[in-house]
Each structure stands twice: as C-alpha cells, then as structure tokens.
C-alpha cells in the first residue's frame, strides 16, 4: 500500500489562496465559483499526496536545493516541494503570471 504524505501550507500559499478567493467572491461577485475552485484545489492536493515525486519537477532558472513541482487547478497552479514525508505547498498563482519572479 502506498504511503500518504503529510501536507504543510506555507503562509505564502495561504495568502495567495485567500487573495484569489476574495477576488472571485467580492470583485467578480461569484461565491459559487470561489467555492468550486477551493474544492477543486483541495481535491487536487489530496490526489497528489500518495505520489508527489512521480511527477516531472518544475524547471526553474533559479538553482534550488529542493525541486519544485506543480499541480494545475483550472487557471491556477500550486507550487510545492517534498521534504521527507511532507508535501509543502508554497504558492498558488494565476497561470498567466510571470512565475520566474514568484517561484
């Protein structure tokens, strides 16, 4: 049986998610869409917890000790790293942003 990794949310990830949810709920005024995105995000993360290293690492110009991976959720991307038995969620960003400045 596969081992399930633990998940840890960095403050930057939580701030990103909160900002996106506020934007969708209040600026666009679509609470249902915000809830669906939040549910889809949680479902995508849960699905990744059994084999987070089996996906292709994210190529970055920055040299890193720990490789980044990504999960695509609708028009957004979750960036994470794996440290021991923990999937650490680091960022949640709109897929059209300049990622090189963020991740």
PDB file of N, CA and C in Angstrom:
ATOM      1  N   UNK A   1       0.838  -1.185   0.000  1.00  0.00           N
ATOM      2  CA  UNK A   1       0.000   0.000   0.000  1.00  0.00           C
ATOM      3  C   UNK A   1       0.876   1.239   0.000  1.00  0.00           C
ATOM      4  N   UNK A   2       0.492   2.246  -0.748  1.00  0.00           N
ATOM      5  CA  UNK A   2       1.262   3.475  -0.834  1.00  0.00           C
ATOM      6  C   UNK A   2       1.134   4.276   0.452  1.00  0.00           C
ATOM      7  N   UNK A   3       2.201   4.975   0.768  1.00  0.00           N
ATOM      8  CA  UNK A   3       2.196   5.845   1.945  1.00  0.00           C
ATOM      9  C   UNK A   3       1.631   7.206   1.569  1.00  0.00           C
ATOM     10  N   UNK A   4       0.800   7.728   2.426  1.00  0.00           N
ATOM     11  CA  UNK A   4       0.242   9.056   2.205  1.00  0.00           C
ATOM     12  C   UNK A   4       1.149  10.083   2.864  1.00  0.00           C
ATOM     13  N   UNK A   5       1.565  11.070   2.107  1.00  0.00           N
ATOM     14  CA  UNK A   5       2.402  12.141   2.630  1.00  0.00           C
ATOM     15  C   UNK A   5       1.549  13.116   3.440  1.00  0.00           C
ATOM     16  N   UNK A   6       2.190  13.789   4.370  1.00  0.00           N
ATOM     17  CA  UNK A   6       1.520  14.853   5.119  1.00  0.00           C
ATOM     18  C   UNK A   6       1.568  16.116   4.272  1.00  0.00           C
ATOM     19  N   UNK A   7       0.707  17.055   4.589  1.00  0.00           N
ATOM     20  CA  UNK A   7       0.704  18.313   3.847  1.00  0.00           C
ATOM     21  C   UNK A   7       0.947  19.467   4.821  1.00  0.00           C
ATOM     22  N   UNK A   8       1.734  20.435   4.355  1.00  0.00           N
ATOM     23  CA  UNK A   8       2.007  21.645   5.143  1.00  0.00           C
ATOM     24  C   UNK A   8       1.777  22.839   4.219  1.00  0.00           C
ATOM     25  N   UNK A   9       1.058  23.832   4.737  1.00  0.00           N
ATOM     26  CA  UNK A   9       0.743  25.031   3.967  1.00  0.00           C
ATOM     27  C   UNK A   9       1.631  26.165   4.459  1.00  0.00           C
ATOM     28  N   UNK A  10       2.452  26.715   3.580  1.00  0.00           N
ATOM     29  CA  UNK A  10       3.248  27.877   3.966  1.00  0.00           C
ATOM     30  C   UNK A  10       2.352  29.113   3.983  1.00  0.00           C
ATOM     31  N   UNK A  11       2.706  30.110   4.772  1.00  0.00           N
ATOM     32  CA  UNK A  11       1.910  31.345   4.808  1.00  0.00           C
ATOM     33  C   UNK A  11       1.743  31.986   3.427  1.00  0.00           C
ATOM     34  N   UNK A  12       2.749  31.898   2.577  1.00  0.00           N
ATOM     35  CA  UNK A  12       2.619  32.485   1.237  1.00  0.00           C
ATOM     36  C   UNK A  12       1.513  31.793   0.443  1.00  0.00           C
ATOM     37  N   UNK A  13       1.414  30.485   0.579  1.00  0.00           N
ATOM     38  CA  UNK A  13       0.348  29.744  -0.106  1.00  0.00           C
ATOM     39  C   UNK A  13      -1.017  30.164   0.439  1.00  0.00           C
ATOM     40  N   UNK A  14      -1.126  30.231   1.752  1.00  0.00           N
ATOM     41  CA  UNK A  14      -2.402  30.615   2.363  1.00  0.00           C
ATOM     42  C   UNK A  14      -2.803  32.033   1.962  1.00  0.00           C
ATOM     43  N   UNK A  15      -1.846  32.941   1.893  1.00  0.00           N
ATOM     44  CA  UNK A  15      -2.138  34.321   1.474  1.00  0.00           C
ATOM     45  C   UNK A  15      -2.576  34.367   0.019  1.00  0.00           C
ATOM     46  N   UNK A  16      -1.907  33.586  -0.832  1.00  0.00           N
ATOM     47  CA  UNK A  16      -2.298  33.522  -2.245  1.00  0.00           C
ATOM     48  C   UNK A  16      -3.732  33.032  -2.390  1.00  0.00           C
ATOM     49  N   UNK A  17      -4.058  31.949  -1.698  1.00  0.00           N
ATOM     50  CA  UNK A  17      -5.406  31.374  -1.784  1.00  0.00           C
ATOM     51  C   UNK A  17      -6.442  32.384  -1.285  1.00  0.00           C
ATOM     52  N   UNK A  18      -6.166  33.019  -0.154  1.00  0.00           N
ATOM     53  CA  UNK A  18      -7.111  33.997   0.402  1.00  0.00           C
ATOM     54  C   UNK A  18      -7.340  35.154  -0.570  1.00  0.00           C
ATOM     55  N   UNK A  19      -6.277  35.627  -1.208  1.00  0.00           N
ATOM     56  CA  UNK A  19      -6.403  36.740  -2.152  1.00  0.00           C
ATOM     57  C   UNK A  19      -7.245  36.338  -3.364  1.00  0.00           C
ATOM     58  N   UNK A  20      -7.024  35.148  -3.882  1.00  0.00           N
ATOM     59  CA  UNK A  20      -7.802  34.674  -5.030  1.00  0.00           C
ATOM     60  C   UNK A  20      -9.266  34.501  -4.634  1.00  0.00           C
ATOM     61  N   UNK A  21      -9.518  33.923  -3.484  1.00  0.00           N
ATOM     62  CA  UNK A  21     -10.902  33.718  -3.043  1.00  0.00           C
ATOM     63  C   UNK A  21     -11.618  35.060  -2.839  1.00  0.00           C
ATOM     64  N   UNK A  22     -10.928  36.012  -2.236  1.00  0.00           N
ATOM     65  CA  UNK A  22     -11.532  37.349  -2.058  1.00  0.00           C
ATOM     66  C   UNK A  22     -11.852  37.982  -3.410  1.00  0.00           C
ATOM     67  N   UNK A  23     -10.923  37.877  -4.334  1.00  0.00           N
ATOM     68  CA  UNK A  23     -11.131  38.460  -5.658  1.00  0.00           C
ATOM     69  C   UNK A  23     -12.359  37.860  -6.335  1.00  0.00           C
ATOM     70  N   UNK A  24     -12.452  36.543  -6.334  1.00  0.00           N
ATOM     71  CA  UNK A  24     -13.575  35.882  -7.004  1.00  0.00           C
ATOM     72  C   UNK A  24     -14.887  36.175  -6.287  1.00  0.00           C
ATOM     73  N   UNK A  25     -14.876  36.117  -4.955  1.00  0.00           N
ATOM     74  CA  UNK A  25     -16.117  36.316  -4.199  1.00  0.00           C
ATOM     75  C   UNK A  25     -16.604  37.755  -4.233  1.00  0.00           C
ATOM     76  N   UNK A  26     -15.694  38.715  -4.082  1.00  0.00           N
ATOM     77  CA  UNK A  26     -16.122  40.102  -3.897  1.00  0.00           C
ATOM     78  C   UNK A  26     -15.955  40.977  -5.136  1.00  0.00           C
ATOM     79  N   UNK A  27     -14.877  40.827  -5.863  1.00  0.00           N
ATOM     80  CA  UNK A  27     -14.660  41.647  -7.054  1.00  0.00           C
ATOM     81  C   UNK A  27     -15.518  41.131  -8.205  1.00  0.00           C
ATOM     82  N   UNK A  28     -15.455  39.827  -8.434  1.00  0.00           N
ATOM     83  CA  UNK A  28     -16.255  39.231  -9.502  1.00  0.00           C
ATOM     84  C   UNK A  28     -17.675  38.926  -9.015  1.00  0.00           C
ATOM     85  N   UNK A  29     -17.830  38.824  -7.714  1.00  0.00           N
ATOM     86  CA  UNK A  29     -19.115  38.548  -7.063  1.00  0.00           C
ATOM     87  C   UNK A  29     -19.683  37.196  -7.492  1.00  0.00           C
ATOM     88  N   UNK A  30     -18.831  36.166  -7.351  1.00  0.00           N
ATOM     89  CA  UNK A  30     -19.265  34.812  -7.714  1.00  0.00           C
ATOM     90  C   UNK A  30     -18.791  33.843  -6.624  1.00  0.00           C
ATOM     91  N   UNK A  31     -19.553  33.791  -5.559  1.00  0.00           N
ATOM     92  CA  UNK A  31     -19.209  32.938  -4.421  1.00  0.00           C
ATOM     93  C   UNK A  31     -19.168  31.465  -4.807  1.00  0.00           C
ATOM     94  N   UNK A  32     -20.083  31.038  -5.645  1.00  0.00           N
ATOM     95  CA  UNK A  32     -20.122  29.632  -6.053  1.00  0.00           C
ATOM     96  C   UNK A  32     -18.845  29.243  -6.797  1.00  0.00           C
ATOM     97  N   UNK A  33     -18.348  30.116  -7.658  1.00  0.00           N
ATOM     98  CA  UNK A  33     -17.112  29.826  -8.397  1.00  0.00           C
ATOM     99  C   UNK A  33     -15.930  29.737  -7.449  1.00  0.00           C
ATOM    100  N   UNK A  34     -15.885  30.608  -6.448  1.00  0.00           N
ATOM    101  CA  UNK A  34     -14.798  30.571  -5.462  1.00  0.00           C
ATOM    102  C   UNK A  34     -14.832  29.261  -4.686  1.00  0.00           C
ATOM    103  N   UNK A  35     -16.016  28.826  -4.302  1.00  0.00           N
ATOM    104  CA  UNK A  35     -16.153  27.568  -3.560  1.00  0.00           C
ATOM    105  C   UNK A  35     -15.756  26.373  -4.408  1.00  0.00           C
ATOM    106  N   UNK A  36     -16.131  26.389  -5.690  1.00  0.00           N
ATOM    107  CA  UNK A  36     -15.754  25.292  -6.591  1.00  0.00           C
ATOM    108  C   UNK A  36     -14.233  25.241  -6.771  1.00  0.00           C
ATOM    109  N   UNK A  37     -13.616  26.392  -6.950  1.00  0.00           N
ATOM    110  CA  UNK A  37     -12.162  26.439  -7.104  1.00  0.00           C
ATOM    111  C   UNK A  37     -11.476  25.919  -5.847  1.00  0.00           C
ATOM    112  N   UNK A  38     -11.961  26.336  -4.682  1.00  0.00           N
ATOM    113  CA  UNK A  38     -11.391  25.888  -3.411  1.00  0.00           C
ATOM    114  C   UNK A  38     -11.520  24.369  -3.271  1.00  0.00           C
ATOM    115  N   UNK A  39     -12.680  23.835  -3.606  1.00  0.00           N
ATOM    116  CA  UNK A  39     -12.892  22.384  -3.538  1.00  0.00           C
ATOM    117  C   UNK A  39     -11.984  21.652  -4.531  1.00  0.00           C
ATOM    118  N   UNK A  40     -11.883  22.176  -5.742  1.00  0.00           N
ATOM    119  CA  UNK A  40     -11.025  21.554  -6.752  1.00  0.00           C
ATOM    120  C   UNK A  40      -9.561  21.571  -6.310  1.00  0.00           C
ATOM    121  N   UNK A  41      -9.141  22.667  -5.699  1.00  0.00           N
ATOM    122  CA  UNK A  41      -7.771  22.782  -5.206  1.00  0.00           C
ATOM    123  C   UNK A  41      -7.504  21.722  -4.138  1.00  0.00           C
ATOM    124  N   UNK A  42      -8.392  21.598  -3.187  1.00  0.00           N
ATOM    125  CA  UNK A  42      -8.215  20.610  -2.114  1.00  0.00           C
ATOM    126  C   UNK A  42      -8.227  19.186  -2.657  1.00  0.00           C
ATOM    127  N   UNK A  43      -9.073  18.929  -3.606  1.00  0.00           N
ATOM    128  CA  UNK A  43      -9.155  17.601  -4.215  1.00  0.00           C
ATOM    129  C   UNK A  43      -7.870  17.281  -4.990  1.00  0.00           C
ATOM    130  N   UNK A  44      -7.335  18.258  -5.700  1.00  0.00           N
ATOM    131  CA  UNK A  44      -6.101  18.048  -6.461  1.00  0.00           C
ATOM    132  C   UNK A  44      -4.920  17.774  -5.529  1.00  0.00           C
ATOM    133  N   UNK A  45      -4.853  18.497  -4.423  1.00  0.00           N
ATOM    134  CA  UNK A  45      -3.779  18.278  -3.449  1.00  0.00           C
ATOM    135  C   UNK A  45      -3.924  16.897  -2.827  1.00  0.00           C
ATOM    136  N   UNK A  46      -5.124  16.534  -2.441  1.00  0.00           N
ATOM    137  CA  UNK A  46      -5.357  15.218  -1.828  1.00  0.00           C
ATOM    138  C   UNK A  46      -4.951  14.102  -2.779  1.00  0.00           C
ATOM    139  N   UNK A  47      -5.219  14.263  -4.051  1.00  0.00           N
ATOM    140  CA  UNK A  47      -4.852  13.257  -5.023  1.00  0.00           C
ATOM    141  C   UNK A  47      -3.360  13.123  -5.232  1.00  0.00           C
ATOM    142  N   UNK A  48      -2.627  14.164  -4.924  1.00  0.00           N
ATOM    143  CA  UNK A  48      -1.178  14.163  -5.123  1.00  0.00           C
ATOM    144  C   UNK A  48      -0.427  13.604  -3.924  1.00  0.00           C
ATOM    145  N   UNK A  49      -1.080  13.445  -2.779  1.00  0.00           N
ATOM    146  CA  UNK A  49      -0.390  13.069  -1.543  1.00  0.00           C
ATOM    147  C   UNK A  49       0.127  11.636  -1.514  1.00  0.00           C
ATOM    148  N   UNK A  50      -0.289  10.795  -2.441  1.00  0.00           N
ATOM    149  CA  UNK A  50       0.192   9.412  -2.452  1.00  0.00           C
ATOM    150  C   UNK A  50       1.428   9.222  -3.329  1.00  0.00           C
ATOM    151  N   UNK A  51       1.673  10.144  -4.238  1.00  0.00           N
ATOM    152  CA  UNK A  51       2.854  10.007  -5.105  1.00  0.00           C
ATOM    153  C   UNK A  51       3.335  11.366  -5.608  1.00  0.00           C
ATOM    154  N   UNK A  52       3.701  12.263  -4.720  1.00  0.00           N
ATOM    155  CA  UNK A  52       4.069  13.617  -5.140  1.00  0.00           C
ATOM    156  C   UNK A  52       5.360  13.698  -5.941  1.00  0.00           C
ATOM    157  N   UNK A  53       6.229  12.709  -5.825  1.00  0.00           N
ATOM    158  CA  UNK A  53       7.506  12.744  -6.537  1.00  0.00           C
ATOM    159  C   UNK A  53       7.440  12.075  -7.906  1.00  0.00           C
ATOM    160  N   UNK A  54       6.313  11.502  -8.246  1.00  0.00           N
ATOM    161  CA  UNK A  54       6.210  10.788  -9.511  1.00  0.00           C
ATOM    162  C   UNK A  54       5.917  11.724 -10.684  1.00  0.00           C
ATOM    163  N   UNK A  55       5.861  13.007 -10.428  1.00  0.00           N
ATOM    164  CA  UNK A  55       5.587  13.985 -11.468  1.00  0.00           C
ATOM    165  C   UNK A  55       6.874  14.701 -11.852  1.00  0.00           C
ATOM    166  N   UNK A  56       6.871  15.288 -13.015  1.00  0.00           N
ATOM    167  CA  UNK A  56       8.049  15.980 -13.529  1.00  0.00           C
ATOM    168  C   UNK A  56       8.311  17.242 -12.696  1.00  0.00           C
ATOM    169  N   UNK A  57       9.552  17.437 -12.227  1.00  0.00           N
ATOM    170  CA  UNK A  57       9.872  18.668 -11.486  1.00  0.00           C
ATOM    171  C   UNK A  57       9.725  19.895 -12.384  1.00  0.00           C
ATOM    172  N   UNK A  58       9.410  21.002 -11.767  1.00  0.00           N
ATOM    173  CA  UNK A  58       9.265  22.271 -12.475  1.00  0.00           C
ATOM    174  C   UNK A  58      10.651  22.831 -12.774  1.00  0.00           C
ATOM    175  N   UNK A  59      10.917  23.140 -14.035  1.00  0.00           N
ATOM    176  CA  UNK A  59      12.197  23.721 -14.405  1.00  0.00           C
ATOM    177  C   UNK A  59      12.208  25.191 -14.027  1.00  0.00           C
ATOM    178  N   UNK A  60      13.256  25.605 -13.342  1.00  0.00           N
ATOM    179  CA  UNK A  60      13.395  26.987 -12.918  1.00  0.00           C
ATOM    180  C   UNK A  60      14.797  27.473 -13.246  1.00  0.00           C
ATOM    181  N   UNK A  61      14.909  28.746 -13.571  1.00  0.00           N
ATOM    182  CA  UNK A  61      16.232  29.336 -13.812  1.00  0.00           C
ATOM    183  C   UNK A  61      17.017  29.443 -12.519  1.00  0.00           C
ATOM    184  N   UNK A  62      16.315  29.518 -11.412  1.00  0.00           N
ATOM    185  CA  UNK A  62      16.961  29.612 -10.106  1.00  0.00           C
ATOM    186  C   UNK A  62      17.463  28.239  -9.679  1.00  0.00           C
ATOM    187  N   UNK A  63      18.663  28.203  -9.142  1.00  0.00           N
ATOM    188  CA  UNK A  63      19.188  26.942  -8.636  1.00  0.00           C
ATOM    189  C   UNK A  63      18.550  26.660  -7.281  1.00  0.00           C
ATOM    190  N   UNK A  64      18.053  25.449  -7.107  1.00  0.00           N
ATOM    191  CA  UNK A  64      17.342  25.089  -5.881  1.00  0.00           C
ATOM    192  C   UNK A  64      17.906  23.808  -5.285  1.00  0.00           C
ATOM    193  N   UNK A  65      17.922  23.758  -3.967  1.00  0.00           N
ATOM    194  CA  UNK A  65      18.331  22.527  -3.279  1.00  0.00           C
ATOM    195  C   UNK A  65      17.233  21.479  -3.379  1.00  0.00           C
ATOM    196  N   UNK A  66      15.993  21.956  -3.329  1.00  0.00           N
ATOM    197  CA  UNK A  66      14.826  21.071  -3.370  1.00  0.00           C
ATOM    198  C   UNK A  66      14.016  21.431  -4.620  1.00  0.00           C
ATOM    199  N   UNK A  67      13.737  20.469  -5.490  1.00  0.00           N
ATOM    200  CA  UNK A  67      12.981  20.794  -6.707  1.00  0.00           C
ATOM    201  C   UNK A  67      11.519  21.146  -6.410  1.00  0.00           C
ATOM    202  N   UNK A  68      11.002  22.044  -7.209  1.00  0.00           N
ATOM    203  CA  UNK A  68       9.590  22.419  -7.145  1.00  0.00           C
ATOM    204  C   UNK A  68       8.797  21.512  -8.084  1.00  0.00           C
ATOM    205  N   UNK A  69       7.563  21.260  -7.705  1.00  0.00           N
ATOM    206  CA  UNK A  69       6.607  20.544  -8.541  1.00  0.00           C
ATOM    207  C   UNK A  69       5.372  21.421  -8.637  1.00  0.00           C
ATOM    208  N   UNK A  70       4.495  21.088  -9.564  1.00  0.00           N
ATOM    209  CA  UNK A  70       3.280  21.896  -9.681  1.00  0.00           C
ATOM    210  C   UNK A  70       2.058  21.037  -9.922  1.00  0.00           C
ATOM    211  N   UNK A  71       0.946  21.596  -9.500  1.00  0.00           N
ATOM    212  CA  UNK A  71      -0.369  20.997  -9.709  1.00  0.00           C
ATOM    213  C   UNK A  71      -1.214  22.057 -10.394  1.00  0.00           C
ATOM    214  N   UNK A  72      -1.763  21.724 -11.517  1.00  0.00           N
ATOM    215  CA  UNK A  72      -2.631  22.673 -12.225  1.00  0.00           C
ATOM    216  C   UNK A  72      -4.072  22.480 -11.743  1.00  0.00           C
ATOM    217  N   UNK A  73      -4.688  23.600 -11.386  1.00  0.00           N
ATOM    218  CA  UNK A  73      -6.089  23.593 -10.944  1.00  0.00           C
ATOM    219  C   UNK A  73      -6.795  24.730 -11.672  1.00  0.00           C
ATOM    220  N   UNK A  74      -7.588  24.368 -12.655  1.00  0.00           N
ATOM    221  CA  UNK A  74      -8.265  25.350 -13.501  1.00  0.00           C
ATOM    222  C   UNK A  74      -7.248  26.330 -14.082  1.00  0.00           C
ATOM    223  N   UNK A  75      -7.400  27.635 -13.815  1.00  0.00           N
ATOM    224  CA  UNK A  75      -6.469  28.637 -14.330  1.00  0.00           C
ATOM    225  C   UNK A  75      -5.365  28.977 -13.333  1.00  0.00           C
ATOM    226  N   UNK A  76      -5.134  28.120 -12.377  1.00  0.00           N
ATOM    227  CA  UNK A  76      -4.149  28.380 -11.322  1.00  0.00           C
ATOM    228  C   UNK A  76      -3.166  27.230 -11.222  1.00  0.00           C
ATOM    229  N   UNK A  77      -2.055  27.510 -10.567  1.00  0.00           N
ATOM    230  CA  UNK A  77      -1.027  26.497 -10.369  1.00  0.00           C
ATOM    231  C   UNK A  77      -0.598  26.516  -8.912  1.00  0.00           C
ATOM    232  N   UNK A  78      -0.525  25.336  -8.313  1.00  0.00           N
ATOM    233  CA  UNK A  78       0.002  25.180  -6.957  1.00  0.00           C
ATOM    234  C   UNK A  78       1.447  24.720  -7.097  1.00  0.00           C
ATOM    235  N   UNK A  79       2.355  25.421  -6.455  1.00  0.00           N
ATOM    236  CA  UNK A  79       3.760  25.016  -6.449  1.00  0.00           C
ATOM    237  C   UNK A  79       4.073  24.402  -5.095  1.00  0.00           C
ATOM    238  N   UNK A  80       4.762  23.257  -5.123  1.00  0.00           N
ATOM    239  CA  UNK A  80       5.087  22.565  -3.885  1.00  0.00           C
ATOM    240  C   UNK A  80       6.456  21.928  -3.958  1.00  0.00           C
ATOM    241  N   UNK A  81       6.983  21.608  -2.777  1.00  0.00           N
ATOM    242  CA  UNK A  81       8.217  20.834  -2.657  1.00  0.00           C
ATOM    243  C   UNK A  81       7.917  19.651  -1.750  1.00  0.00           C
ATOM    244  N   UNK A  82       8.777  18.642  -1.822  1.00  0.00           N
ATOM    245  CA  UNK A  82       8.631  17.479  -0.954  1.00  0.00           C
ATOM    246  C   UNK A  82       9.852  17.416  -0.051  1.00  0.00           C
ATOM    247  N   UNK A  83       9.603  17.451   1.247  1.00  0.00           N
ATOM    248  CA  UNK A  83      10.664  17.370   2.251  1.00  0.00           C
ATOM    249  C   UNK A  83      10.342  16.192   3.152  1.00  0.00           C
ATOM    250  N   UNK A  84      11.169  15.159   3.061  1.00  0.00           N
ATOM    251  CA  UNK A  84      10.940  13.911   3.796  1.00  0.00           C
ATOM    252  C   UNK A  84       9.560  13.362   3.450  1.00  0.00           C
ATOM    253  N   UNK A  85       8.656  13.298   4.431  1.00  0.00           N
ATOM    254  CA  UNK A  85       7.311  12.761   4.177  1.00  0.00           C
ATOM    255  C   UNK A  85       6.248  13.859   4.156  1.00  0.00           C
ATOM    256  N   UNK A  86       6.676  15.095   3.808  1.00  0.00           N
ATOM    257  CA  UNK A  86       5.767  16.245   3.820  1.00  0.00           C
ATOM    258  C   UNK A  86       5.727  16.901   2.441  1.00  0.00           C
ATOM    259  N   UNK A  87       4.529  17.138   1.956  1.00  0.00           N
ATOM    260  CA  UNK A  87       4.321  17.951   0.760  1.00  0.00           C
ATOM    261  C   UNK A  87       4.062  19.359   1.262  1.00  0.00           C
ATOM    262  N   UNK A  88       4.994  20.257   0.962  1.00  0.00           N
ATOM    263  CA  UNK A  88       4.901  21.635   1.447  1.00  0.00           C
ATOM    264  C   UNK A  88       4.387  22.520   0.317  1.00  0.00           C
ATOM    265  N   UNK A  89       3.172  23.019   0.474  1.00  0.00           N
ATOM    266  CA  UNK A  89       2.557  23.888  -0.528  1.00  0.00           C
ATOM    267  C   UNK A  89       3.106  25.289  -0.337  1.00  0.00           C
ATOM    268  N   UNK A  90       3.699  25.828  -1.395  1.00  0.00           N
ATOM    269  CA  UNK A  90       4.387  27.112  -1.268  1.00  0.00           C
ATOM    270  C   UNK A  90       3.662  28.280  -1.916  1.00  0.00           C
ATOM    271  N   UNK A  91       3.095  28.086  -3.104  1.00  0.00           N
ATOM    272  CA  UNK A  91       2.432  29.195  -3.795  1.00  0.00           C
ATOM    273  C   UNK A  91       1.185  28.687  -4.513  1.00  0.00           C
ATOM    274  N   UNK A  92       0.249  29.608  -4.734  1.00  0.00           N
ATOM    275  CA  UNK A  92      -0.967  29.350  -5.507  1.00  0.00           C
ATOM    276  C   UNK A  92      -1.154  30.576  -6.384  1.00  0.00           C
ATOM    277  N   UNK A  93      -0.848  30.450  -7.675  1.00  0.00           N
ATOM    278  CA  UNK A  93      -0.818  31.636  -8.535  1.00  0.00           C
ATOM    279  C   UNK A  93      -1.593  31.420  -9.824  1.00  0.00           C
ATOM    280  N   UNK A  94      -2.055  32.520 -10.381  1.00  0.00           N
ATOM    281  CA  UNK A  94      -2.731  32.510 -11.679  1.00  0.00           C
ATOM    282  C   UNK A  94      -1.729  32.059 -12.722  1.00  0.00           C
ATOM    283  N   UNK A  95      -2.134  31.187 -13.628  1.00  0.00           N
ATOM    284  CA  UNK A  95      -1.188  30.560 -14.562  1.00  0.00           C
ATOM    285  C   UNK A  95      -0.601  31.507 -15.607  1.00  0.00           C
ATOM    286  N   UNK A  96      -1.119  32.696 -15.753  1.00  0.00           N
ATOM    287  CA  UNK A  96      -0.585  33.642 -16.737  1.00  0.00           C
ATOM    288  C   UNK A  96       0.406  34.645 -16.128  1.00  0.00           C
ATOM    289  N   UNK A  97       0.635  34.532 -14.836  1.00  0.00           N
ATOM    290  CA  UNK A  97       1.605  35.442 -14.200  1.00  0.00           C
ATOM    291  C   UNK A  97       3.024  35.045 -14.555  1.00  0.00           C
ATOM    292  N   UNK A  98       3.945  35.990 -14.436  1.00  0.00           N
ATOM    293  CA  UNK A  98       5.349  35.714 -14.671  1.00  0.00           C
ATOM    294  C   UNK A  98       5.886  34.951 -13.474  1.00  0.00           C
ATOM    295  N   UNK A  99       5.960  33.658 -13.589  1.00  0.00           N
ATOM    296  CA  UNK A  99       6.306  32.779 -12.484  1.00  0.00           C
ATOM    297  C   UNK A  99       7.760  32.954 -12.038  1.00  0.00           C
ATOM    298  N   UNK A 100       8.638  33.328 -12.954  1.00  0.00           N
ATOM    299  CA  UNK A 100      10.048  33.483 -12.617  1.00  0.00           C
ATOM    300  C   UNK A 100      10.286  34.471 -11.492  1.00  0.00           C
ATOM    301  N   UNK A 101       9.422  35.455 -11.361  1.00  0.00           N
ATOM    302  CA  UNK A 101       9.551  36.437 -10.291  1.00  0.00           C
ATOM    303  C   UNK A 101       8.940  35.974  -8.981  1.00  0.00           C
ATOM    304  N   UNK A 102       8.164  34.902  -9.036  1.00  0.00           N
ATOM    305  CA  UNK A 102       7.410  34.470  -7.867  1.00  0.00           C
ATOM    306  C   UNK A 102       8.009  33.223  -7.224  1.00  0.00           C
ATOM    307  N   UNK A 103       8.284  32.223  -8.033  1.00  0.00           N
ATOM    308  CA  UNK A 103       8.725  30.934  -7.514  1.00  0.00           C
ATOM    309  C   UNK A 103      10.234  30.821  -7.605  1.00  0.00           C
TER     310      UNK A 103
END
